[in-house]
PDB file of N, CA and C in Angstrom:
ATOM      1  N   MET A   1       0.835  -1.415  -0.116  1.00  0.00           N
ATOM      2  CA  MET A   1      -0.030  -0.349   0.125  1.00  0.00           C
ATOM      3  C   MET A   1       0.685   1.146  -0.019  1.00  0.00           C
ATOM      4  N   SER A   2       0.931   2.509  -0.508  1.00  0.00           N
ATOM      5  CA  SER A   2       1.552   3.514  -1.085  1.00  0.00           C
ATOM      6  C   SER A   2       0.962   4.768   0.430  1.00  0.00           C
ATOM      7  N   HIS A   3       2.065   5.203   0.707  1.00  0.00           N
ATOM      8  CA  HIS A   3       1.831   6.081   1.689  1.00  0.00           C
ATOM      9  C   HIS A   3       1.274   7.604   1.133  1.00  0.00           C
ATOM     10  N   VAL A   4       1.616   7.261  -0.237  1.00  0.00           N
ATOM     11  CA  VAL A   4       0.980   8.813  -0.952  1.00  0.00           C
ATOM     12  C   VAL A   4      -0.286   8.735  -1.930  1.00  0.00           C
ATOM     13  N   GLN A   5      -1.263   9.428  -0.670  1.00  0.00           N
ATOM     14  CA  GLN A   5      -2.295   8.827  -1.324  1.00  0.00           C
ATOM     15  C   GLN A   5      -3.087   9.638  -2.511  1.00  0.00           C
ATOM     16  N   PRO A   6      -3.729   9.102  -3.374  1.00  0.00           N
ATOM     17  CA  PRO A   6      -4.414  10.661  -4.323  1.00  0.00           C
ATOM     18  C   PRO A   6      -5.057  11.756  -3.495  1.00  0.00           C
ATOM     19  N   VAL A   7      -5.405  12.356  -4.655  1.00  0.00           N
ATOM     20  CA  VAL A   7      -6.183  13.883  -4.340  1.00  0.00           C
ATOM     21  C   VAL A   7      -6.629  14.316  -5.669  1.00  0.00           C
ATOM     22  N   THR A   8      -7.967  14.966  -5.646  1.00  0.00           N
ATOM     23  CA  THR A   8      -8.577  15.181  -7.171  1.00  0.00           C
ATOM     24  C   THR A   8      -9.113  17.075  -6.367  1.00  0.00           C
ATOM     25  N   ASP A   9      -9.078  17.644  -8.014  1.00  0.00           N
ATOM     26  CA  ASP A   9      -9.440  18.979  -7.791  1.00  0.00           C
ATOM     27  C   ASP A   9     -10.430  19.303  -7.124  1.00  0.00           C
ATOM     28  N   ALA A  10     -11.468  18.166  -6.973  1.00  0.00           N
ATOM     29  CA  ALA A  10     -12.688  18.626  -5.990  1.00  0.00           C
ATOM     30  C   ALA A  10     -12.007  18.591  -4.730  1.00  0.00           C
ATOM     31  N   GLU A  11     -11.039  17.973  -4.351  1.00  0.00           N
ATOM     32  CA  GLU A  11     -10.507  17.601  -2.895  1.00  0.00           C
ATOM     33  C   GLU A  11      -9.644  18.725  -2.611  1.00  0.00           C
ATOM     34  N   PHE A  12      -8.924  19.342  -3.282  1.00  0.00           N
ATOM     35  CA  PHE A  12      -7.726  19.609  -3.198  1.00  0.00           C
ATOM     36  C   PHE A  12      -8.085  21.036  -2.127  1.00  0.00           C
ATOM     37  N   GLU A  13      -8.831  21.811  -2.021  1.00  0.00           N
ATOM     38  CA  GLU A  13      -9.067  23.127  -1.082  1.00  0.00           C
ATOM     39  C   GLU A  13      -8.822  22.204   0.243  1.00  0.00           C
ATOM     40  N   SER A  14      -9.761  21.339   0.863  1.00  0.00           N
ATOM     41  CA  SER A  14      -9.870  20.216   2.038  1.00  0.00           C
ATOM     42  C   SER A  14      -9.011  19.818   2.279  1.00  0.00           C
ATOM     43  N   LYS A  15      -7.772  19.022   1.301  1.00  0.00           N
ATOM     44  CA  LYS A  15      -6.861  18.212   2.031  1.00  0.00           C
ATOM     45  C   LYS A  15      -5.809  19.186   1.759  1.00  0.00           C
ATOM     46  N   VAL A  16      -5.479  20.243   0.927  1.00  0.00           N
ATOM     47  CA  VAL A  16      -4.284  20.734   0.831  1.00  0.00           C
ATOM     48  C   VAL A  16      -4.380  21.925   1.492  1.00  0.00           C
ATOM     49  N   LEU A  17      -5.252  23.025   0.796  1.00  0.00           N
ATOM     50  CA  LEU A  17      -4.825  24.380   1.575  1.00  0.00           C
ATOM     51  C   LEU A  17      -5.658  24.452   2.730  1.00  0.00           C
ATOM     52  N   LEU A  18      -6.389  23.626   3.335  1.00  0.00           N
ATOM     53  CA  LEU A  18      -7.044  23.635   4.629  1.00  0.00           C
ATOM     54  C   LEU A  18      -6.219  22.715   5.793  1.00  0.00           C
ATOM     55  N   SER A  19      -5.463  22.244   5.427  1.00  0.00           N
ATOM     56  CA  SER A  19      -4.546  21.394   6.436  1.00  0.00           C
ATOM     57  C   SER A  19      -3.853  22.041   6.976  1.00  0.00           C
ATOM     58  N   GLU A  20      -4.219  21.060   8.564  1.00  0.00           N
ATOM     59  CA  GLU A  20      -3.510  21.774   9.278  1.00  0.00           C
ATOM     60  C   GLU A  20      -2.033  21.882   9.346  1.00  0.00           C
ATOM     61  N   LYS A  21      -1.371  20.726   8.663  1.00  0.00           N
ATOM     62  CA  LYS A  21       0.084  20.117   8.786  1.00  0.00           C
ATOM     63  C   LYS A  21       0.600  20.729   7.192  1.00  0.00           C
ATOM     64  N   PRO A  22       1.751  20.983   6.932  1.00  0.00           N
ATOM     65  CA  PRO A  22       2.398  20.782   5.438  1.00  0.00           C
ATOM     66  C   PRO A  22       1.617  19.636   4.663  1.00  0.00           C
ATOM     67  N   VAL A  23       1.507  20.166   3.328  1.00  0.00           N
ATOM     68  CA  VAL A  23       1.309  19.046   2.235  1.00  0.00           C
ATOM     69  C   VAL A  23       2.267  19.244   1.150  1.00  0.00           C
ATOM     70  N   LEU A  24       2.908  17.774   0.745  1.00  0.00           N
ATOM     71  CA  LEU A  24       3.652  17.626  -0.493  1.00  0.00           C
ATOM     72  C   LEU A  24       2.702  16.915  -1.250  1.00  0.00           C
ATOM     73  N   VAL A  25       2.484  17.693  -2.666  1.00  0.00           N
ATOM     74  CA  VAL A  25       1.601  17.468  -3.802  1.00  0.00           C
ATOM     75  C   VAL A  25       2.295  17.231  -4.678  1.00  0.00           C
ATOM     76  N   ASP A  26       2.714  15.704  -5.197  1.00  0.00           N
ATOM     77  CA  ASP A  26       3.432  15.282  -6.759  1.00  0.00           C
ATOM     78  C   ASP A  26       2.287  15.282  -7.620  1.00  0.00           C
ATOM     79  N   PHE A  27       2.515  16.046  -8.419  1.00  0.00           N
ATOM     80  CA  PHE A  27       1.739  16.220  -9.673  1.00  0.00           C
ATOM     81  C   PHE A  27       2.303  15.656 -10.895  1.00  0.00           C
ATOM     82  N   TRP A  28       1.500  14.584 -11.564  1.00  0.00           N
ATOM     83  CA  TRP A  28       2.152  13.274 -12.233  1.00  0.00           C
ATOM     84  C   TRP A  28       0.962  13.079 -13.430  1.00  0.00           C
ATOM     85  N   ALA A  29       1.749  12.436 -14.191  1.00  0.00           N
ATOM     86  CA  ALA A  29       0.677  11.332 -15.045  1.00  0.00           C
ATOM     87  C   ALA A  29       1.345   9.685 -15.514  1.00  0.00           C
ATOM     88  N   GLU A  30       0.466   9.216 -15.596  1.00  0.00           N
ATOM     89  CA  GLU A  30       0.454   7.920 -16.381  1.00  0.00           C
ATOM     90  C   GLU A  30       1.871   7.492 -17.358  1.00  0.00           C
ATOM     91  N   TRP A  31       1.562   8.439 -18.365  1.00  0.00           N
ATOM     92  CA  TRP A  31       2.810   8.668 -19.425  1.00  0.00           C
ATOM     93  C   TRP A  31       4.271   9.328 -19.174  1.00  0.00           C
ATOM     94  N   CYS A  32       4.169   9.686 -17.766  1.00  0.00           N
ATOM     95  CA  CYS A  32       5.778  10.394 -17.693  1.00  0.00           C
ATOM     96  C   CYS A  32       6.526   9.254 -16.547  1.00  0.00           C
ATOM     97  N   GLY A  33       7.257   8.890 -17.838  1.00  0.00           N
ATOM     98  CA  GLY A  33       8.534   7.767 -16.840  1.00  0.00           C
ATOM     99  C   GLY A  33       9.233   8.395 -15.456  1.00  0.00           C
ATOM    100  N   PRO A  34       9.648   9.870 -15.669  1.00  0.00           N
ATOM    101  CA  PRO A  34      10.404  10.607 -14.457  1.00  0.00           C
ATOM    102  C   PRO A  34       9.310  10.371 -13.540  1.00  0.00           C
ATOM    103  N   CYS A  35       8.064  10.607 -13.677  1.00  0.00           N
ATOM    104  CA  CYS A  35       7.012  10.620 -12.274  1.00  0.00           C
ATOM    105  C   CYS A  35       6.974   9.038 -11.894  1.00  0.00           C
ATOM    106  N   ARG A  36       7.072   8.158 -12.486  1.00  0.00           N
ATOM    107  CA  ARG A  36       7.246   6.703 -12.032  1.00  0.00           C
ATOM    108  C   ARG A  36       8.382   6.247 -11.475  1.00  0.00           C
ATOM    109  N   GLN A  37       9.357   7.251 -11.933  1.00  0.00           N
ATOM    110  CA  GLN A  37      10.606   7.082 -11.415  1.00  0.00           C
ATOM    111  C   GLN A  37      10.891   7.238  -9.939  1.00  0.00           C
ATOM    112  N   ILE A  38      10.007   8.515  -9.531  1.00  0.00           N
ATOM    113  CA  ILE A  38      10.475   8.689  -8.314  1.00  0.00           C
ATOM    114  C   ILE A  38       9.441   8.957  -7.219  1.00  0.00           C
ATOM    115  N   ALA A  39       7.963   7.602  -8.075  1.00  0.00           N
ATOM    116  CA  ALA A  39       7.204   7.572  -7.046  1.00  0.00           C
ATOM    117  C   ALA A  39       7.479   6.601  -5.886  1.00  0.00           C
ATOM    118  N   PRO A  40       8.898   5.872  -5.803  1.00  0.00           N
ATOM    119  CA  PRO A  40       9.044   5.026  -4.687  1.00  0.00           C
ATOM    120  C   PRO A  40       9.643   5.884  -3.770  1.00  0.00           C
ATOM    121  N   VAL A  41      10.417   6.811  -4.348  1.00  0.00           N
ATOM    122  CA  VAL A  41      11.233   7.680  -3.472  1.00  0.00           C
ATOM    123  C   VAL A  41      10.453   8.354  -2.352  1.00  0.00           C
ATOM    124  N   LEU A  42       9.240   8.668  -2.995  1.00  0.00           N
ATOM    125  CA  LEU A  42       8.233   9.847  -2.527  1.00  0.00           C
ATOM    126  C   LEU A  42       7.473   8.547  -1.316  1.00  0.00           C
ATOM    127  N   ASP A  43       7.719   7.724  -1.589  1.00  0.00           N
ATOM    128  CA  ASP A  43       6.264   6.557  -0.985  1.00  0.00           C
ATOM    129  C   ASP A  43       7.516   6.339   0.370  1.00  0.00           C
ATOM    130  N   GLU A  44       8.484   6.486   0.313  1.00  0.00           N
ATOM    131  CA  GLU A  44       9.639   5.909   1.214  1.00  0.00           C
ATOM    132  C   GLU A  44       9.618   6.950   2.138  1.00  0.00           C
ATOM    133  N   LEU A  45       9.505   8.202   1.706  1.00  0.00           N
ATOM    134  CA  LEU A  45      10.010  10.031   2.382  1.00  0.00           C
ATOM    135  C   LEU A  45       8.362   9.914   3.006  1.00  0.00           C
ATOM    136  N   ALA A  46       7.305   9.464   2.579  1.00  0.00           N
ATOM    137  CA  ALA A  46       5.886   9.357   3.281  1.00  0.00           C
ATOM    138  C   ALA A  46       5.863   8.293   4.275  1.00  0.00           C
ATOM    139  N   ALA A  47       6.782   7.173   3.969  1.00  0.00           N
ATOM    140  CA  ALA A  47       6.382   6.329   5.175  1.00  0.00           C
ATOM    141  C   ALA A  47       7.348   6.756   6.799  1.00  0.00           C
ATOM    142  N   ALA A  48       8.368   7.357   6.035  1.00  0.00           N
ATOM    143  CA  ALA A  48       9.250   8.136   7.191  1.00  0.00           C
ATOM    144  C   ALA A  48       8.894   9.421   7.507  1.00  0.00           C
ATOM    145  N   HIS A  49       7.899  10.236   7.334  1.00  0.00           N
ATOM    146  CA  HIS A  49       7.852  11.479   7.382  1.00  0.00           C
ATOM    147  C   HIS A  49       6.600  11.686   7.472  1.00  0.00           C
ATOM    148  N   GLY A  50       5.711  11.013   7.538  1.00  0.00           N
ATOM    149  CA  GLY A  50       4.171  11.142   6.828  1.00  0.00           C
ATOM    150  C   GLY A  50       3.342  12.027   8.150  1.00  0.00           C
ATOM    151  N   ASP A  51       4.220  11.674   9.220  1.00  0.00           N
ATOM    152  CA  ASP A  51       3.600  12.153  10.739  1.00  0.00           C
ATOM    153  C   ASP A  51       3.720  14.061  10.700  1.00  0.00           C
ATOM    154  N   LYS A  52       4.501  14.157   9.783  1.00  0.00           N
ATOM    155  CA  LYS A  52       4.930  15.640  10.024  1.00  0.00           C
ATOM    156  C   LYS A  52       4.393  16.683   8.673  1.00  0.00           C
ATOM    157  N   ILE A  53       4.335  15.827   7.463  1.00  0.00           N
ATOM    158  CA  ILE A  53       4.246  16.686   6.396  1.00  0.00           C
ATOM    159  C   ILE A  53       3.248  15.395   5.491  1.00  0.00           C
ATOM    160  N   THR A  54       2.149  16.021   4.867  1.00  0.00           N
ATOM    161  CA  THR A  54       1.134  14.679   4.386  1.00  0.00           C
ATOM    162  C   THR A  54       1.778  14.969   2.873  1.00  0.00           C
ATOM    163  N   PHE A  55       1.672  13.687   2.110  1.00  0.00           N
ATOM    164  CA  PHE A  55       2.056  13.408   1.043  1.00  0.00           C
ATOM    165  C   PHE A  55       1.019  13.140   0.104  1.00  0.00           C
ATOM    166  N   LEU A  56       0.605  13.449  -1.055  1.00  0.00           N
ATOM    167  CA  LEU A  56      -0.698  13.301  -1.606  1.00  0.00           C
ATOM    168  C   LEU A  56      -0.112  13.577  -3.230  1.00  0.00           C
ATOM    169  N   LYS A  57      -0.690  13.033  -4.330  1.00  0.00           N
ATOM    170  CA  LYS A  57      -0.392  13.192  -5.867  1.00  0.00           C
ATOM    171  C   LYS A  57      -1.567  13.390  -6.440  1.00  0.00           C
ATOM    172  N   MET A  58      -1.300  14.106  -7.596  1.00  0.00           N
ATOM    173  CA  MET A  58      -2.524  14.578  -8.220  1.00  0.00           C
ATOM    174  C   MET A  58      -2.297  14.271  -9.960  1.00  0.00           C
ATOM    175  N   ASN A  59      -2.684  13.137 -10.179  1.00  0.00           N
ATOM    176  CA  ASN A  59      -2.974  12.929 -11.726  1.00  0.00           C
ATOM    177  C   ASN A  59      -3.732  14.156 -12.950  1.00  0.00           C
ATOM    178  N   ALA A  60      -2.533  15.008 -13.148  1.00  0.00           N
ATOM    179  CA  ALA A  60      -2.726  15.974 -13.981  1.00  0.00           C
ATOM    180  C   ALA A  60      -3.675  16.057 -15.006  1.00  0.00           C
ATOM    181  N   ASP A  61      -3.281  14.673 -15.749  1.00  0.00           N
ATOM    182  CA  ASP A  61      -4.383  14.382 -17.052  1.00  0.00           C
ATOM    183  C   ASP A  61      -5.976  14.364 -16.274  1.00  0.00           C
ATOM    184  N   GLU A  62      -6.105  13.894 -15.316  1.00  0.00           N
ATOM    185  CA  GLU A  62      -7.551  13.515 -14.957  1.00  0.00           C
ATOM    186  C   GLU A  62      -7.663  15.061 -13.805  1.00  0.00           C
ATOM    187  N   ASN A  63      -6.912  15.688 -13.716  1.00  0.00           N
ATOM    188  CA  ASN A  63      -7.494  16.863 -12.651  1.00  0.00           C
ATOM    189  C   ASN A  63      -6.829  17.975 -13.395  1.00  0.00           C
ATOM    190  N   PRO A  64      -7.297  18.936 -14.566  1.00  0.00           N
ATOM    191  CA  PRO A  64      -6.450  19.789 -14.816  1.00  0.00           C
ATOM    192  C   PRO A  64      -6.232  20.824 -14.514  1.00  0.00           C
ATOM    193  N   GLY A  65      -7.020  21.477 -13.758  1.00  0.00           N
ATOM    194  CA  GLY A  65      -7.472  22.567 -13.124  1.00  0.00           C
ATOM    195  C   GLY A  65      -6.851  23.030 -12.142  1.00  0.00           C
ATOM    196  N   THR A  66      -6.451  22.281 -11.139  1.00  0.00           N
ATOM    197  CA  THR A  66      -5.120  22.729 -10.262  1.00  0.00           C
ATOM    198  C   THR A  66      -4.086  22.764 -10.545  1.00  0.00           C
ATOM    199  N   PRO A  67      -3.863  22.322 -11.477  1.00  0.00           N
ATOM    200  CA  PRO A  67      -2.033  22.215 -12.025  1.00  0.00           C
ATOM    201  C   PRO A  67      -1.937  23.502 -12.705  1.00  0.00           C
ATOM    202  N   ALA A  68      -3.003  23.611 -13.479  1.00  0.00           N
ATOM    203  CA  ALA A  68      -2.937  25.094 -14.165  1.00  0.00           C
ATOM    204  C   ALA A  68      -3.116  26.382 -13.001  1.00  0.00           C
ATOM    205  N   SER A  69      -3.639  26.229 -12.252  1.00  0.00           N
ATOM    206  CA  SER A  69      -3.666  27.081 -11.737  1.00  0.00           C
ATOM    207  C   SER A  69      -2.461  27.508 -10.698  1.00  0.00           C
ATOM    208  N   TYR A  70      -2.178  26.848 -10.617  1.00  0.00           N
ATOM    209  CA  TYR A  70      -0.618  26.879  -9.826  1.00  0.00           C
ATOM    210  C   TYR A  70       0.697  26.965 -11.102  1.00  0.00           C
ATOM    211  N   GLY A  71       0.245  27.263 -12.239  1.00  0.00           N
ATOM    212  CA  GLY A  71       1.413  27.147 -13.194  1.00  0.00           C
ATOM    213  C   GLY A  71       2.229  25.462 -13.432  1.00  0.00           C
ATOM    214  N   VAL A  72       1.406  24.715 -13.218  1.00  0.00           N
ATOM    215  CA  VAL A  72       2.567  23.737 -13.494  1.00  0.00           C
ATOM    216  C   VAL A  72       2.490  23.238 -14.950  1.00  0.00           C
ATOM    217  N   MET A  73       3.925  23.184 -15.506  1.00  0.00           N
ATOM    218  CA  MET A  73       4.317  22.850 -16.648  1.00  0.00           C
ATOM    219  C   MET A  73       4.742  21.749 -16.942  1.00  0.00           C
ATOM    220  N   GLY A  74       5.625  21.426 -16.243  1.00  0.00           N
ATOM    221  CA  GLY A  74       5.918  19.918 -16.709  1.00  0.00           C
ATOM    222  C   GLY A  74       5.862  19.096 -15.537  1.00  0.00           C
ATOM    223  N   LEU A  75       5.979  17.903 -16.070  1.00  0.00           N
ATOM    224  CA  LEU A  75       5.569  16.521 -14.783  1.00  0.00           C
ATOM    225  C   LEU A  75       6.908  15.841 -14.592  1.00  0.00           C
ATOM    226  N   PRO A  76       7.621  15.188 -13.574  1.00  0.00           N
ATOM    227  CA  PRO A  76       6.572  15.478 -12.644  1.00  0.00           C
ATOM    228  C   PRO A  76       7.133  16.978 -11.823  1.00  0.00           C
ATOM    229  N   THR A  77       6.240  17.794 -11.065  1.00  0.00           N
ATOM    230  CA  THR A  77       6.318  19.001 -10.262  1.00  0.00           C
ATOM    231  C   THR A  77       6.054  18.539  -8.820  1.00  0.00           C
ATOM    232  N   ILE A  78       6.730  18.412  -8.149  1.00  0.00           N
ATOM    233  CA  ILE A  78       6.559  18.325  -6.582  1.00  0.00           C
ATOM    234  C   ILE A  78       6.570  19.709  -5.967  1.00  0.00           C
ATOM    235  N   ALA A  79       5.047  19.947  -5.544  1.00  0.00           N
ATOM    236  CA  ALA A  79       4.972  21.313  -4.487  1.00  0.00           C
ATOM    237  C   ALA A  79       4.335  21.047  -3.070  1.00  0.00           C
ATOM    238  N   VAL A  80       4.665  21.930  -2.347  1.00  0.00           N
ATOM    239  CA  VAL A  80       4.740  22.050  -1.224  1.00  0.00           C
ATOM    240  C   VAL A  80       4.027  23.112  -0.473  1.00  0.00           C
ATOM    241  N   PHE A  81       2.762  22.933  -0.164  1.00  0.00           N
ATOM    242  CA  PHE A  81       1.935  23.696   0.658  1.00  0.00           C
ATOM    243  C   PHE A  81       2.264  24.185   2.165  1.00  0.00           C
ATOM    244  N   ASP A  82       1.893  25.064   2.642  1.00  0.00           N
ATOM    245  CA  ASP A  82       1.704  25.258   4.029  1.00  0.00           C
ATOM    246  C   ASP A  82       0.931  26.765   4.499  1.00  0.00           C
ATOM    247  N   LYS A  83       0.267  26.381   5.384  1.00  0.00           N
ATOM    248  CA  LYS A  83      -1.145  27.221   5.537  1.00  0.00           C
ATOM    249  C   LYS A  83      -1.307  27.936   4.241  1.00  0.00           C
ATOM    250  N   GLY A  84      -2.203  26.962   3.482  1.00  0.00           N
ATOM    251  CA  GLY A  84      -2.822  27.465   2.058  1.00  0.00           C
ATOM    252  C   GLY A  84      -2.169  27.938   1.146  1.00  0.00           C
ATOM    253  N   GLN A  85      -1.007  27.961   1.597  1.00  0.00           N
ATOM    254  CA  GLN A  85       0.197  28.696  -0.046  1.00  0.00           C
ATOM    255  C   GLN A  85       1.431  27.863  -0.546  1.00  0.00           C
ATOM    256  N   MET A  86       1.136  28.105  -1.610  1.00  0.00           N
ATOM    257  CA  MET A  86       2.310  27.394  -2.060  1.00  0.00           C
ATOM    258  C   MET A  86       3.694  28.061  -1.863  1.00  0.00           C
ATOM    259  N   VAL A  87       4.505  26.976  -1.094  1.00  0.00           N
ATOM    260  CA  VAL A  87       5.991  27.695  -0.674  1.00  0.00           C
ATOM    261  C   VAL A  87       7.177  27.093  -1.065  1.00  0.00           C
ATOM    262  N   LYS A  88       6.957  26.041  -2.270  1.00  0.00           N
ATOM    263  CA  LYS A  88       8.356  25.792  -2.729  1.00  0.00           C
ATOM    264  C   LYS A  88       7.501  24.669  -3.768  1.00  0.00           C
ATOM    265  N   GLN A  89       8.630  25.206  -5.411  1.00  0.00           N
ATOM    266  CA  GLN A  89       8.324  23.567  -6.142  1.00  0.00           C
ATOM    267  C   GLN A  89       9.332  22.957  -6.752  1.00  0.00           C
ATOM    268  N   MET A  90       9.484  22.168  -7.310  1.00  0.00           N
ATOM    269  CA  MET A  90      10.337  21.481  -7.610  1.00  0.00           C
ATOM    270  C   MET A  90       9.817  20.706  -8.986  1.00  0.00           C
ATOM    271  N   VAL A  91      10.749  20.853 -10.240  1.00  0.00           N
ATOM    272  CA  VAL A  91       9.910  20.445 -11.472  1.00  0.00           C
ATOM    273  C   VAL A  91      10.850  19.397 -11.825  1.00  0.00           C
ATOM    274  N   GLY A  92      10.914  18.317 -12.626  1.00  0.00           N
ATOM    275  CA  GLY A  92      11.698  17.398 -12.948  1.00  0.00           C
ATOM    276  C   GLY A  92      12.048  15.957 -11.288  1.00  0.00           C
ATOM    277  N   ALA A  93      12.590  15.148 -12.045  1.00  0.00           N
ATOM    278  CA  ALA A  93      12.685  13.591 -10.985  1.00  0.00           C
ATOM    279  C   ALA A  93      14.148  14.484 -10.270  1.00  0.00           C
ATOM    280  N   LYS A  94      14.091  13.925  -9.143  1.00  0.00           N
ATOM    281  CA  LYS A  94      15.277  14.557  -8.086  1.00  0.00           C
ATOM    282  C   LYS A  94      15.725  13.331  -7.391  1.00  0.00           C
ATOM    283  N   PRO A  95      17.218  13.228  -6.895  1.00  0.00           N
ATOM    284  CA  PRO A  95      17.313  11.925  -5.915  1.00  0.00           C
ATOM    285  C   PRO A  95      16.694  12.661  -4.415  1.00  0.00           C
ATOM    286  N   LYS A  96      16.764  11.544  -4.172  1.00  0.00           N
ATOM    287  CA  LYS A  96      16.275  11.014  -2.617  1.00  0.00           C
ATOM    288  C   LYS A  96      16.787  12.571  -1.836  1.00  0.00           C
ATOM    289  N   SER A  97      18.031  12.360  -2.056  1.00  0.00           N
ATOM    290  CA  SER A  97      18.781  13.512  -1.009  1.00  0.00           C
ATOM    291  C   SER A  97      18.454  15.131  -1.089  1.00  0.00           C
ATOM    292  N   VAL A  98      18.059  15.065  -2.304  1.00  0.00           N
ATOM    293  CA  VAL A  98      17.283  16.597  -2.733  1.00  0.00           C
ATOM    294  C   VAL A  98      16.363  17.031  -1.931  1.00  0.00           C
ATOM    295  N   TYR A  99      15.019  16.080  -2.116  1.00  0.00           N
ATOM    296  CA  TYR A  99      13.880  16.043  -1.489  1.00  0.00           C
ATOM    297  C   TYR A  99      13.817  16.247  -0.171  1.00  0.00           C
ATOM    298  N   LEU A 100      14.710  15.553   0.273  1.00  0.00           N
ATOM    299  CA  LEU A 100      15.346  15.407   2.125  1.00  0.00           C
ATOM    300  C   LEU A 100      15.902  16.714   2.037  1.00  0.00           C
ATOM    301  N   LYS A 101      16.487  17.363   1.419  1.00  0.00           N
ATOM    302  CA  LYS A 101      17.000  19.032   1.825  1.00  0.00           C
ATOM    303  C   LYS A 101      16.221  20.011   1.437  1.00  0.00           C
ATOM    304  N   GLU A 102      15.420  20.046   0.450  1.00  0.00           N
ATOM    305  CA  GLU A 102      14.297  20.673   0.410  1.00  0.00           C
ATOM    306  C   GLU A 102      13.035  20.506   1.172  1.00  0.00           C
ATOM    307  N   LEU A 103      12.904  19.273   2.040  1.00  0.00           N
ATOM    308  CA  LEU A 103      11.551  19.404   3.009  1.00  0.00           C
ATOM    309  C   LEU A 103      12.329  19.422   4.356  1.00  0.00           C
ATOM    310  N   ALA A 104      13.801  19.712   4.968  1.00  0.00           N
ATOM    311  CA  ALA A 104      13.870  19.744   5.740  1.00  0.00           C
ATOM    312  C   ALA A 104      13.397  20.971   6.874  1.00  0.00           C
ATOM    313  N   ASP A 105      13.229  21.731   6.538  1.00  0.00           N
ATOM    314  CA  ASP A 105      12.155  22.958   7.585  1.00  0.00           C
ATOM    315  C   ASP A 105      11.272  22.104   7.924  1.00  0.00           C
ATOM    316  N   TYR A 106      10.404  21.594   6.789  1.00  0.00           N
ATOM    317  CA  TYR A 106       9.372  21.022   7.683  1.00  0.00           C
ATOM    318  C   TYR A 106       9.377  19.035   8.291  1.00  0.00           C
ATOM    319  N   ILE A 107       9.994  18.619   7.796  1.00  0.00           N
ATOM    320  CA  ILE A 107      10.511  17.237   8.780  1.00  0.00           C
ATOM    321  C   ILE A 107      11.593  17.248   9.620  1.00  0.00           C
ATOM    322  N   GLY A 108      12.232  18.155   9.446  1.00  0.00           N
ATOM    323  CA  GLY A 108      13.295  18.212  10.510  1.00  0.00           C
ATOM    324  C   GLY A 108      13.358  17.345  11.760  1.00  0.00           C
TER     325      GLY A 108
END
């Protein structure tokens, strides 16, 4: 079972923007090779740090509204939201060490 749960356009406000804790959203698509490459890395991070930051994934093909409203142009795009605001955005597949560094303020 994945530790990264799906989120839709309809659920985005309640699950992300109104969340009490920071939320990482992985914008991805089925056809995206790098998206599949980072999925296990994000799952590992979610298993280890899910108590401090919520990990969600949004299929950009099935939910085009939210990615468009946040200017997501390339996949995968990893966005971090805190208190209803996008505070970080990373485009493209990165090594686990980069995600750990970028999330250090939240998973410290």
